[in-house]
């Protein structure tokens, strides 16, 4: 009858092979496309691609858009600055659209 001693020479290489296989599987999962837990880079969409939000201002630059967004927030409205395919847009919820346009008209 053979004891554990005759198989001990295989134990080291088997553990090393299992460790390398586990690392290879983790790397394959981590570097595969479409399965990452980290979101990709945001892409600019059309102005209509922002769900319930509606554009209330179409400034020429992001600096102007940020100033308009801050002005709306100073008045108590929630506003978002979105980079769209047609340039920066200041977006608000539909219920705040008329108020936001009045604020922006007054301050222009």
Protein backbone atom coordinates (compact mmCIF):
# COMPACT_ATOMS: atom_id res chain seq x y z
CA UNK A 1 0.00 0.00 0.00
CA UNK A 2 1.35 3.38 -0.99
CA UNK A 3 1.19 6.38 1.31
CA UNK A 4 0.78 10.09 0.74
CA UNK A 5 4.53 10.44 0.29
CA UNK A 6 4.51 9.01 -3.23
CA UNK A 7 1.98 11.62 -4.42
CA UNK A 8 3.58 14.59 -2.71
CA UNK A 9 5.79 15.26 -5.73
CA UNK A 10 2.66 16.09 -7.75
CA UNK A 11 1.12 18.38 -5.13
CA UNK A 12 3.35 21.44 -5.77
CA UNK A 13 2.94 21.55 -9.57
CA UNK A 14 -0.83 20.96 -9.29
CA UNK A 15 -1.27 23.86 -6.86
CA UNK A 16 0.84 26.12 -9.11
CA UNK A 17 -1.16 25.11 -12.19
CA UNK A 18 -4.46 25.75 -10.37
CA UNK A 19 -3.25 29.20 -9.25
CA UNK A 20 -2.18 30.17 -12.78
CA UNK A 21 -5.49 28.90 -14.20
CA UNK A 22 -7.45 30.94 -11.64
CA UNK A 23 -5.46 34.08 -12.45
CA UNK A 24 -5.98 33.49 -16.20
CA UNK A 25 -9.75 33.16 -15.69
CA UNK A 26 -9.90 36.35 -13.62
CA UNK A 27 -7.88 38.27 -16.19
CA UNK A 28 -10.02 36.97 -19.04
CA UNK A 29 -13.19 38.04 -17.20
CA UNK A 30 -11.73 41.44 -16.27
CA UNK A 31 -10.51 42.32 -19.76
CA UNK A 32 -13.47 40.98 -21.74
CA UNK A 33 -15.67 43.52 -23.53
CA UNK A 34 -19.15 44.30 -22.30
CA UNK A 35 -18.83 42.63 -18.92
CA UNK A 36 -17.00 45.27 -16.93
CA UNK A 37 -18.38 46.51 -13.64
CA UNK A 38 -16.85 49.92 -14.36
CA UNK A 39 -19.06 52.03 -16.64
CA UNK A 40 -17.58 53.18 -19.92
CA UNK A 41 -16.98 56.75 -20.95
CA UNK A 42 -20.13 58.82 -21.34
CA UNK A 43 -21.05 59.65 -24.92
CA UNK A 44 -22.89 62.74 -26.06
CA UNK A 45 -26.40 62.06 -27.30
CA UNK A 46 -29.02 64.06 -29.12
CA UNK A 47 -30.89 66.66 -27.04
CA UNK A 48 -33.97 64.41 -27.03
CA UNK A 49 -32.01 61.46 -25.57
CA UNK A 50 -32.11 62.68 -21.96
CA UNK A 51 -35.39 61.13 -20.86
CA UNK A 52 -37.76 63.44 -19.02
CA UNK A 53 -35.38 66.39 -19.08
CA UNK A 54 -36.15 69.17 -21.56
CA UNK A 55 -33.67 71.74 -22.89
CA UNK A 56 -34.29 75.33 -21.83
CA UNK A 57 -31.07 76.92 -23.09
CA UNK A 58 -28.70 76.30 -25.99
CA UNK A 59 -25.54 78.29 -25.19
CA UNK A 60 -22.57 78.34 -27.53
CA UNK A 61 -19.95 77.27 -24.96
CA UNK A 62 -19.80 75.13 -21.85
CA UNK A 63 -18.76 78.17 -19.80
CA UNK A 64 -21.97 79.98 -20.71
CA UNK A 65 -23.98 76.81 -20.08
CA UNK A 66 -22.48 76.39 -16.61
CA UNK A 67 -23.27 80.03 -15.76
CA UNK A 68 -26.90 79.51 -16.83
CA UNK A 69 -27.15 76.27 -14.87
CA UNK A 70 -25.84 77.98 -11.73
CA UNK A 71 -28.28 80.84 -12.20
CA UNK A 72 -31.17 78.38 -12.29
CA UNK A 73 -29.87 76.55 -9.22
CA UNK A 74 -29.54 79.88 -7.37
CA UNK A 75 -33.27 80.35 -8.00
CA UNK A 76 -34.03 76.93 -6.52
CA UNK A 77 -34.46 74.88 -9.71
CA UNK A 78 -32.66 71.63 -10.39
CA UNK A 79 -30.77 71.97 -13.68
CA UNK A 80 -28.36 69.76 -15.58
CA UNK A 81 -25.64 70.63 -18.07
CA UNK A 82 -25.45 68.00 -20.81
CA UNK A 83 -22.98 67.70 -23.68
CA UNK A 84 -25.12 66.83 -26.70
CA UNK A 85 -24.21 66.17 -30.31
CA UNK A 86 -25.55 69.64 -31.11
CA UNK A 87 -23.58 71.44 -28.39
CA UNK A 88 -24.12 72.03 -24.67
CA UNK A 89 -27.67 72.15 -23.36
CA UNK A 90 -29.12 73.21 -20.01
CA UNK A 91 -31.87 70.76 -19.07
CA UNK A 92 -34.65 70.87 -16.48
CA UNK A 93 -37.69 68.79 -15.61
CA UNK A 94 -40.85 69.55 -17.64
CA UNK A 95 -42.70 70.99 -14.62
CA UNK A 96 -39.92 73.60 -14.21
CA UNK A 97 -39.57 74.48 -17.90
CA UNK A 98 -41.70 77.67 -17.93
CA UNK A 99 -40.18 79.00 -14.71
CA UNK A 100 -36.66 78.29 -15.98
CA UNK A 101 -37.31 80.07 -19.28
CA UNK A 102 -38.70 83.09 -17.39
CA UNK A 103 -35.63 83.23 -15.13
CA UNK A 104 -33.27 82.98 -18.08
CA UNK A 105 -35.25 85.62 -20.04
CA UNK A 106 -35.16 88.05 -17.08
CA UNK A 107 -31.43 87.64 -16.58
CA UNK A 108 -30.49 87.98 -20.27
